[in-house]
Amino acid sequence: MSAVVCVRQIPYGFFENEMFDFFGQFGRVTRLKLKRSEKTGRSKGVAFVEFKSAKVAEIAASTMNNYLLFDRILKCEVLPPAKVGRSLFKNWNVAVKGHQRNKALVKKANKHKGRETILAMCQRCSTRGRSLPATEIQ
């Protein structure tokens, strides 16, 4: 039966590939989910590692608890089966794009606007009771 280890206070630079290799020395890692910010894509410092064997998970958690790694002390604990939900490992093997998604919006907003577009913007503003300075229409 599988068991899940919760790892907290993960230092920056210790990502999914490194964690798979690192925790793989204890036993077979079936799934691993590193929590990341959807906005930036950076790690939130919390990961869930699922081992194939519950004994291996207990050994890994006890060994890695209070382990100093890159000036951070890891906190590890085995989660009870009641706390392991179905959505814990949702999209566990899909990389979060983060800020890449926002780049398209920024590029669109900063795109050069032609004369017709600026005139249309002025038209819309004038119908709403606002006006744009004449210096913008060139």
N, C-alpha and C. Protein backbone atom coordinates (compact mmCIF):
# COMPACT_ATOMS: atom_id res chain seq x y z
N MET A 1 0.84 -1.18 0.00
CA MET A 1 0.00 0.00 0.00
C MET A 1 0.88 1.24 0.00
N SER A 2 0.48 2.25 -0.75
CA SER A 2 1.29 3.46 -0.87
C SER A 2 1.05 4.41 0.30
N ALA A 3 2.00 5.32 0.50
CA ALA A 3 1.89 6.33 1.54
C ALA A 3 2.48 7.63 1.00
N VAL A 4 2.00 8.75 1.56
CA VAL A 4 2.40 10.07 1.08
C VAL A 4 3.17 10.80 2.18
N VAL A 5 4.28 11.41 1.77
CA VAL A 5 5.09 12.21 2.68
C VAL A 5 4.94 13.67 2.28
N CYS A 6 4.64 14.52 3.26
CA CYS A 6 4.56 15.96 3.04
C CYS A 6 5.91 16.56 3.41
N VAL A 7 6.51 17.30 2.48
CA VAL A 7 7.81 17.93 2.70
C VAL A 7 7.60 19.44 2.66
N ARG A 8 8.00 20.12 3.74
CA ARG A 8 7.83 21.58 3.83
C ARG A 8 9.19 22.26 3.93
N GLN A 9 9.18 23.57 3.72
CA GLN A 9 10.37 24.43 3.78
C GLN A 9 11.43 23.98 2.78
N ILE A 10 10.99 23.75 1.55
CA ILE A 10 11.89 23.30 0.49
C ILE A 10 12.64 24.51 -0.06
N PRO A 11 13.96 24.43 -0.17
CA PRO A 11 14.72 25.57 -0.70
C PRO A 11 14.54 25.71 -2.20
N TYR A 12 14.74 26.94 -2.68
CA TYR A 12 14.65 27.21 -4.11
C TYR A 12 15.80 26.49 -4.81
N GLY A 13 15.52 25.83 -5.90
CA GLY A 13 16.52 25.08 -6.64
C GLY A 13 16.36 23.58 -6.47
N PHE A 14 15.54 23.17 -5.52
CA PHE A 14 15.26 21.76 -5.27
C PHE A 14 13.90 21.45 -5.89
N PHE A 15 13.91 21.16 -7.20
CA PHE A 15 12.67 21.02 -7.96
C PHE A 15 12.30 19.56 -8.18
N GLU A 16 11.33 19.32 -9.07
CA GLU A 16 10.76 17.99 -9.25
C GLU A 16 11.81 16.95 -9.63
N ASN A 17 12.64 17.23 -10.61
CA ASN A 17 13.63 16.24 -11.05
C ASN A 17 14.61 15.91 -9.94
N GLU A 18 15.07 16.93 -9.24
CA GLU A 18 16.00 16.71 -8.13
C GLU A 18 15.34 15.93 -7.01
N MET A 19 14.07 16.22 -6.75
CA MET A 19 13.36 15.53 -5.67
C MET A 19 13.11 14.06 -6.03
N PHE A 20 12.78 13.80 -7.30
CA PHE A 20 12.59 12.41 -7.72
C PHE A 20 13.87 11.61 -7.49
N ASP A 21 14.99 12.18 -7.89
CA ASP A 21 16.27 11.48 -7.71
C ASP A 21 16.62 11.35 -6.23
N PHE A 22 16.41 12.41 -5.47
CA PHE A 22 16.79 12.42 -4.06
C PHE A 22 15.97 11.43 -3.24
N PHE A 23 14.65 11.48 -3.39
CA PHE A 23 13.80 10.57 -2.62
C PHE A 23 13.79 9.17 -3.22
N GLY A 24 14.24 9.02 -4.44
CA GLY A 24 14.35 7.71 -5.06
C GLY A 24 15.38 6.82 -4.40
N GLN A 25 16.30 7.40 -3.63
CA GLN A 25 17.29 6.59 -2.94
C GLN A 25 16.68 5.79 -1.79
N PHE A 26 15.50 6.19 -1.31
CA PHE A 26 14.83 5.46 -0.23
C PHE A 26 13.99 4.31 -0.77
N GLY A 27 13.40 4.50 -1.93
CA GLY A 27 12.53 3.49 -2.53
C GLY A 27 11.82 4.06 -3.74
N ARG A 28 10.87 3.31 -4.27
CA ARG A 28 10.18 3.71 -5.50
C ARG A 28 9.22 4.86 -5.22
N VAL A 29 9.44 5.98 -5.91
CA VAL A 29 8.55 7.14 -5.84
C VAL A 29 7.55 7.01 -6.99
N THR A 30 6.27 6.92 -6.66
CA THR A 30 5.25 6.76 -7.70
C THR A 30 4.78 8.10 -8.24
N ARG A 31 4.56 9.08 -7.36
CA ARG A 31 4.13 10.41 -7.80
C ARG A 31 4.77 11.47 -6.90
N LEU A 32 4.92 12.66 -7.46
CA LEU A 32 5.48 13.77 -6.71
C LEU A 32 4.81 15.05 -7.18
N LYS A 33 4.34 15.85 -6.24
CA LYS A 33 3.68 17.12 -6.59
C LYS A 33 4.34 18.24 -5.80
N LEU A 34 5.01 19.14 -6.51
CA LEU A 34 5.60 20.33 -5.91
C LEU A 34 4.61 21.47 -6.13
N LYS A 35 4.13 22.05 -5.06
CA LYS A 35 3.16 23.14 -5.18
C LYS A 35 3.85 24.37 -5.75
N ARG A 36 3.23 24.95 -6.78
CA ARG A 36 3.79 26.13 -7.45
C ARG A 36 2.72 27.20 -7.58
N SER A 37 3.16 28.44 -7.63
CA SER A 37 2.27 29.56 -7.85
C SER A 37 1.80 29.55 -9.30
N GLU A 38 0.50 29.70 -9.50
CA GLU A 38 -0.01 29.74 -10.87
C GLU A 38 0.38 31.03 -11.56
N LYS A 39 0.54 32.09 -10.79
CA LYS A 39 0.86 33.39 -11.36
C LYS A 39 2.32 33.48 -11.81
N THR A 40 3.24 33.04 -10.96
CA THR A 40 4.66 33.19 -11.27
C THR A 40 5.34 31.90 -11.66
N GLY A 41 4.80 30.76 -11.26
CA GLY A 41 5.43 29.48 -11.55
C GLY A 41 6.50 29.08 -10.56
N ARG A 42 6.75 29.92 -9.55
CA ARG A 42 7.77 29.60 -8.55
C ARG A 42 7.22 28.61 -7.53
N SER A 43 8.14 27.90 -6.91
CA SER A 43 7.78 26.92 -5.90
C SER A 43 7.23 27.60 -4.66
N LYS A 44 6.22 26.98 -4.04
CA LYS A 44 5.68 27.49 -2.79
C LYS A 44 6.38 26.90 -1.58
N GLY A 45 7.30 25.96 -1.81
CA GLY A 45 8.08 25.39 -0.71
C GLY A 45 7.44 24.18 -0.06
N VAL A 46 6.41 23.61 -0.68
CA VAL A 46 5.73 22.43 -0.14
C VAL A 46 5.62 21.39 -1.25
N ALA A 47 5.90 20.14 -0.90
CA ALA A 47 5.79 19.05 -1.88
C ALA A 47 5.16 17.84 -1.22
N PHE A 48 4.55 17.01 -2.05
CA PHE A 48 3.97 15.75 -1.60
C PHE A 48 4.60 14.63 -2.42
N VAL A 49 5.18 13.67 -1.73
CA VAL A 49 5.88 12.57 -2.37
C VAL A 49 5.15 11.28 -2.02
N GLU A 50 4.73 10.54 -3.05
CA GLU A 50 4.04 9.27 -2.81
C GLU A 50 5.02 8.12 -3.07
N PHE A 51 5.17 7.28 -2.06
CA PHE A 51 6.02 6.09 -2.17
C PHE A 51 5.14 4.87 -2.37
N LYS A 52 5.69 3.87 -3.02
CA LYS A 52 4.93 2.64 -3.26
C LYS A 52 4.68 1.89 -1.96
N SER A 53 5.63 1.97 -1.03
CA SER A 53 5.52 1.24 0.23
C SER A 53 5.37 2.22 1.40
N ALA A 54 4.50 1.88 2.35
CA ALA A 54 4.30 2.72 3.52
C ALA A 54 5.52 2.71 4.44
N LYS A 55 6.20 1.56 4.52
CA LYS A 55 7.40 1.48 5.35
C LYS A 55 8.49 2.41 4.82
N VAL A 56 8.66 2.41 3.53
CA VAL A 56 9.66 3.28 2.91
C VAL A 56 9.33 4.75 3.16
N ALA A 57 8.04 5.09 3.10
CA ALA A 57 7.62 6.47 3.35
C ALA A 57 7.95 6.89 4.78
N GLU A 58 7.71 6.00 5.74
CA GLU A 58 8.03 6.32 7.14
C GLU A 58 9.53 6.49 7.33
N ILE A 59 10.32 5.64 6.70
CA ILE A 59 11.78 5.75 6.82
C ILE A 59 12.26 7.05 6.18
N ALA A 60 11.73 7.40 5.02
CA ALA A 60 12.13 8.63 4.34
C ALA A 60 11.74 9.86 5.16
N ALA A 61 10.54 9.85 5.73
CA ALA A 61 10.08 11.00 6.51
C ALA A 61 10.91 11.17 7.78
N SER A 62 11.20 10.08 8.46
CA SER A 62 11.99 10.19 9.70
C SER A 62 13.43 10.58 9.40
N THR A 63 13.98 10.10 8.30
CA THR A 63 15.36 10.44 7.94
C THR A 63 15.47 11.89 7.49
N MET A 64 14.53 12.35 6.70
CA MET A 64 14.63 13.69 6.12
C MET A 64 14.05 14.79 6.99
N ASN A 65 13.37 14.44 8.08
CA ASN A 65 12.84 15.46 8.98
C ASN A 65 14.00 16.17 9.67
N ASN A 66 13.98 17.50 9.68
CA ASN A 66 15.04 18.35 10.25
C ASN A 66 16.36 18.19 9.51
N TYR A 67 16.31 17.86 8.24
CA TYR A 67 17.51 17.71 7.41
C TYR A 67 17.88 19.09 6.85
N LEU A 68 19.13 19.50 7.01
CA LEU A 68 19.59 20.79 6.51
C LEU A 68 19.96 20.67 5.04
N LEU A 69 19.30 21.48 4.21
CA LEU A 69 19.52 21.44 2.76
C LEU A 69 19.50 22.87 2.23
N PHE A 70 20.61 23.35 1.72
CA PHE A 70 20.73 24.71 1.19
C PHE A 70 20.25 25.75 2.19
N ASP A 71 20.74 25.67 3.41
CA ASP A 71 20.41 26.62 4.49
C ASP A 71 18.93 26.61 4.87
N ARG A 72 18.22 25.55 4.58
CA ARG A 72 16.82 25.40 4.99
C ARG A 72 16.68 24.06 5.69
N ILE A 73 15.90 24.02 6.75
CA ILE A 73 15.66 22.77 7.47
C ILE A 73 14.35 22.17 6.96
N LEU A 74 14.45 21.02 6.31
CA LEU A 74 13.26 20.35 5.77
C LEU A 74 12.41 19.80 6.91
N LYS A 75 11.11 19.90 6.75
CA LYS A 75 10.15 19.30 7.69
C LYS A 75 9.36 18.25 6.92
N CYS A 76 9.45 17.01 7.35
CA CYS A 76 8.78 15.91 6.65
C CYS A 76 7.86 15.17 7.61
N GLU A 77 6.72 14.76 7.09
CA GLU A 77 5.80 13.94 7.88
C GLU A 77 4.99 13.06 6.94
N VAL A 78 4.64 11.89 7.43
CA VAL A 78 3.79 10.98 6.67
C VAL A 78 2.34 11.40 6.89
N LEU A 79 1.62 11.63 5.81
CA LEU A 79 0.22 12.02 5.93
C LEU A 79 -0.65 10.81 6.19
N PRO A 80 -1.61 10.93 7.10
CA PRO A 80 -2.55 9.83 7.28
C PRO A 80 -3.43 9.69 6.03
N PRO A 81 -3.88 8.48 5.74
CA PRO A 81 -4.69 8.26 4.52
C PRO A 81 -5.94 9.14 4.45
N ALA A 82 -6.48 9.55 5.60
CA ALA A 82 -7.67 10.39 5.59
C ALA A 82 -7.39 11.78 5.02
N LYS A 83 -6.15 12.25 5.15
CA LYS A 83 -5.79 13.58 4.66
C LYS A 83 -5.36 13.59 3.20
N VAL A 84 -5.17 12.42 2.63
CA VAL A 84 -4.76 12.34 1.23
C VAL A 84 -6.03 12.31 0.38
N GLY A 85 -6.32 13.44 -0.25
CA GLY A 85 -7.51 13.54 -1.09
C GLY A 85 -7.23 13.14 -2.52
N ARG A 86 -8.29 13.07 -3.30
CA ARG A 86 -8.14 12.69 -4.71
C ARG A 86 -7.43 13.78 -5.51
N SER A 87 -7.61 15.03 -5.08
CA SER A 87 -7.04 16.14 -5.86
C SER A 87 -5.63 16.51 -5.41
N LEU A 88 -5.05 15.78 -4.47
CA LEU A 88 -3.71 16.12 -3.98
C LEU A 88 -2.68 16.03 -5.09
N PHE A 89 -2.78 15.02 -5.93
CA PHE A 89 -1.81 14.84 -7.01
C PHE A 89 -2.41 15.21 -8.37
N LYS A 90 -3.41 16.07 -8.37
CA LYS A 90 -4.02 16.49 -9.62
C LYS A 90 -2.98 17.23 -10.46
N ASN A 91 -2.85 16.84 -11.71
CA ASN A 91 -1.87 17.42 -12.64
C ASN A 91 -0.45 17.34 -12.09
N TRP A 92 -0.13 16.22 -11.47
CA TRP A 92 1.19 16.09 -10.84
C TRP A 92 2.31 16.02 -11.86
N ASN A 93 2.02 15.60 -13.06
CA ASN A 93 3.08 15.48 -14.08
C ASN A 93 2.98 16.56 -15.16
N VAL A 94 2.24 17.64 -14.88
CA VAL A 94 2.10 18.75 -15.82
C VAL A 94 2.84 19.95 -15.26
N ALA A 95 3.72 20.52 -16.05
CA ALA A 95 4.50 21.68 -15.61
C ALA A 95 3.62 22.93 -15.63
N VAL A 96 3.77 23.77 -14.61
CA VAL A 96 3.04 25.03 -14.54
C VAL A 96 3.80 26.07 -15.35
N LYS A 97 3.12 26.72 -16.25
CA LYS A 97 3.77 27.71 -17.11
C LYS A 97 4.04 29.01 -16.37
N GLY A 98 3.14 29.39 -15.46
CA GLY A 98 3.36 30.61 -14.69
C GLY A 98 3.26 31.86 -15.53
N HIS A 99 4.25 32.70 -15.42
CA HIS A 99 4.22 34.01 -16.06
C HIS A 99 4.28 33.93 -17.58
N GLN A 100 4.56 32.79 -18.16
CA GLN A 100 4.58 32.65 -19.62
C GLN A 100 3.21 32.99 -20.20
N ARG A 101 2.17 32.66 -19.45
CA ARG A 101 0.81 32.91 -19.91
C ARG A 101 0.55 34.42 -19.99
N ASN A 102 1.15 35.19 -19.08
CA ASN A 102 0.92 36.63 -19.06
C ASN A 102 1.71 37.37 -20.13
N LYS A 103 2.75 36.75 -20.66
CA LYS A 103 3.57 37.42 -21.66
C LYS A 103 2.76 37.78 -22.90
N ALA A 104 1.84 36.92 -23.30
CA ALA A 104 1.02 37.20 -24.48
C ALA A 104 0.13 38.42 -24.23
N LEU A 105 -0.42 38.53 -23.02
CA LEU A 105 -1.27 39.68 -22.70
C LEU A 105 -0.46 40.98 -22.69
N VAL A 106 0.74 40.93 -22.14
CA VAL A 106 1.60 42.11 -22.10
C VAL A 106 2.00 42.52 -23.51
N LYS A 107 2.33 41.53 -24.33
CA LYS A 107 2.72 41.82 -25.71
C LYS A 107 1.56 42.47 -26.47
N LYS A 108 0.35 41.97 -26.24
CA LYS A 108 -0.82 42.52 -26.92
C LYS A 108 -1.09 43.95 -26.45
N ALA A 109 -0.94 44.21 -25.15
CA ALA A 109 -1.20 45.55 -24.62
C ALA A 109 -0.15 46.55 -25.10
N ASN A 110 1.08 46.11 -25.26
CA ASN A 110 2.16 47.01 -25.66
C ASN A 110 2.36 47.09 -27.17
N LYS A 111 1.53 46.38 -27.93
CA LYS A 111 1.66 46.36 -29.38
C LYS A 111 1.44 47.77 -29.95
N HIS A 112 2.17 48.10 -31.01
CA HIS A 112 2.04 49.41 -31.64
C HIS A 112 0.63 49.56 -32.20
N LYS A 113 0.02 50.68 -31.86
CA LYS A 113 -1.34 50.94 -32.33
C LYS A 113 -1.28 51.90 -33.52
N GLY A 114 -2.00 51.56 -34.55
CA GLY A 114 -2.04 52.41 -35.75
C GLY A 114 -2.95 53.61 -35.55
N ARG A 115 -2.94 54.49 -36.54
CA ARG A 115 -3.73 55.72 -36.46
C ARG A 115 -5.22 55.42 -36.33
N GLU A 116 -5.70 54.42 -37.08
CA GLU A 116 -7.13 54.09 -37.03
C GLU A 116 -7.53 53.60 -35.64
N THR A 117 -6.68 52.82 -35.02
CA THR A 117 -6.98 52.29 -33.69
C THR A 117 -7.05 53.42 -32.67
N ILE A 118 -6.11 54.36 -32.76
CA ILE A 118 -6.10 55.49 -31.83
C ILE A 118 -7.32 56.37 -32.03
N LEU A 119 -7.70 56.62 -33.30
CA LEU A 119 -8.90 57.41 -33.56
C LEU A 119 -10.15 56.72 -33.01
N ALA A 120 -10.20 55.40 -33.14
CA ALA A 120 -11.35 54.66 -32.59
C ALA A 120 -11.38 54.77 -31.07
N MET A 121 -10.20 54.75 -30.44
CA MET A 121 -10.14 54.91 -28.98
C MET A 121 -10.63 56.29 -28.58
N CYS A 122 -10.24 57.32 -29.33
CA CYS A 122 -10.68 58.69 -29.04
C CYS A 122 -12.19 58.81 -29.20
N GLN A 123 -12.72 58.15 -30.22
CA GLN A 123 -14.17 58.17 -30.48
C GLN A 123 -14.91 57.55 -29.29
N ARG A 124 -14.42 56.41 -28.82
CA ARG A 124 -15.08 55.75 -27.68
C ARG A 124 -15.00 56.61 -26.43
N CYS A 125 -13.85 57.25 -26.20
CA CYS A 125 -13.69 58.08 -25.00
C CYS A 125 -14.58 59.31 -25.07
N SER A 126 -14.72 59.89 -26.24
CA SER A 126 -15.54 61.10 -26.36
C SER A 126 -17.02 60.78 -26.15
N THR A 127 -17.45 59.58 -26.51
CA THR A 127 -18.85 59.21 -26.28
C THR A 127 -19.12 58.93 -24.81
N ARG A 128 -18.08 58.66 -24.05
CA ARG A 128 -18.24 58.40 -22.61
C ARG A 128 -18.04 59.67 -21.78
N GLY A 129 -17.79 60.79 -22.43
CA GLY A 129 -17.63 62.04 -21.70
C GLY A 129 -16.19 62.35 -21.34
N ARG A 130 -15.26 61.55 -21.79
CA ARG A 130 -13.84 61.80 -21.54
C ARG A 130 -13.19 62.18 -22.86
N SER A 131 -12.01 62.75 -22.76
CA SER A 131 -11.29 63.05 -24.00
C SER A 131 -9.82 62.73 -23.83
N LEU A 132 -9.21 62.31 -24.92
CA LEU A 132 -7.77 62.05 -24.93
C LEU A 132 -7.05 63.28 -25.43
N PRO A 133 -5.84 63.54 -24.94
CA PRO A 133 -5.08 64.68 -25.45
C PRO A 133 -4.79 64.53 -26.94
N ALA A 134 -4.75 65.64 -27.62
CA ALA A 134 -4.53 65.62 -29.08
C ALA A 134 -3.13 65.14 -29.43
N THR A 135 -2.20 65.15 -28.48
CA THR A 135 -0.83 64.72 -28.76
C THR A 135 -0.75 63.23 -29.03
N GLU A 136 -1.73 62.46 -28.58
CA GLU A 136 -1.70 61.01 -28.78
C GLU A 136 -2.12 60.62 -30.20
N ILE A 137 -2.74 61.53 -30.94
CA ILE A 137 -3.23 61.20 -32.28
C ILE A 137 -2.22 61.71 -33.30
N GLN A 138 -1.18 60.96 -33.51
CA GLN A 138 -0.18 61.35 -34.50
C GLN A 138 0.29 60.17 -35.27
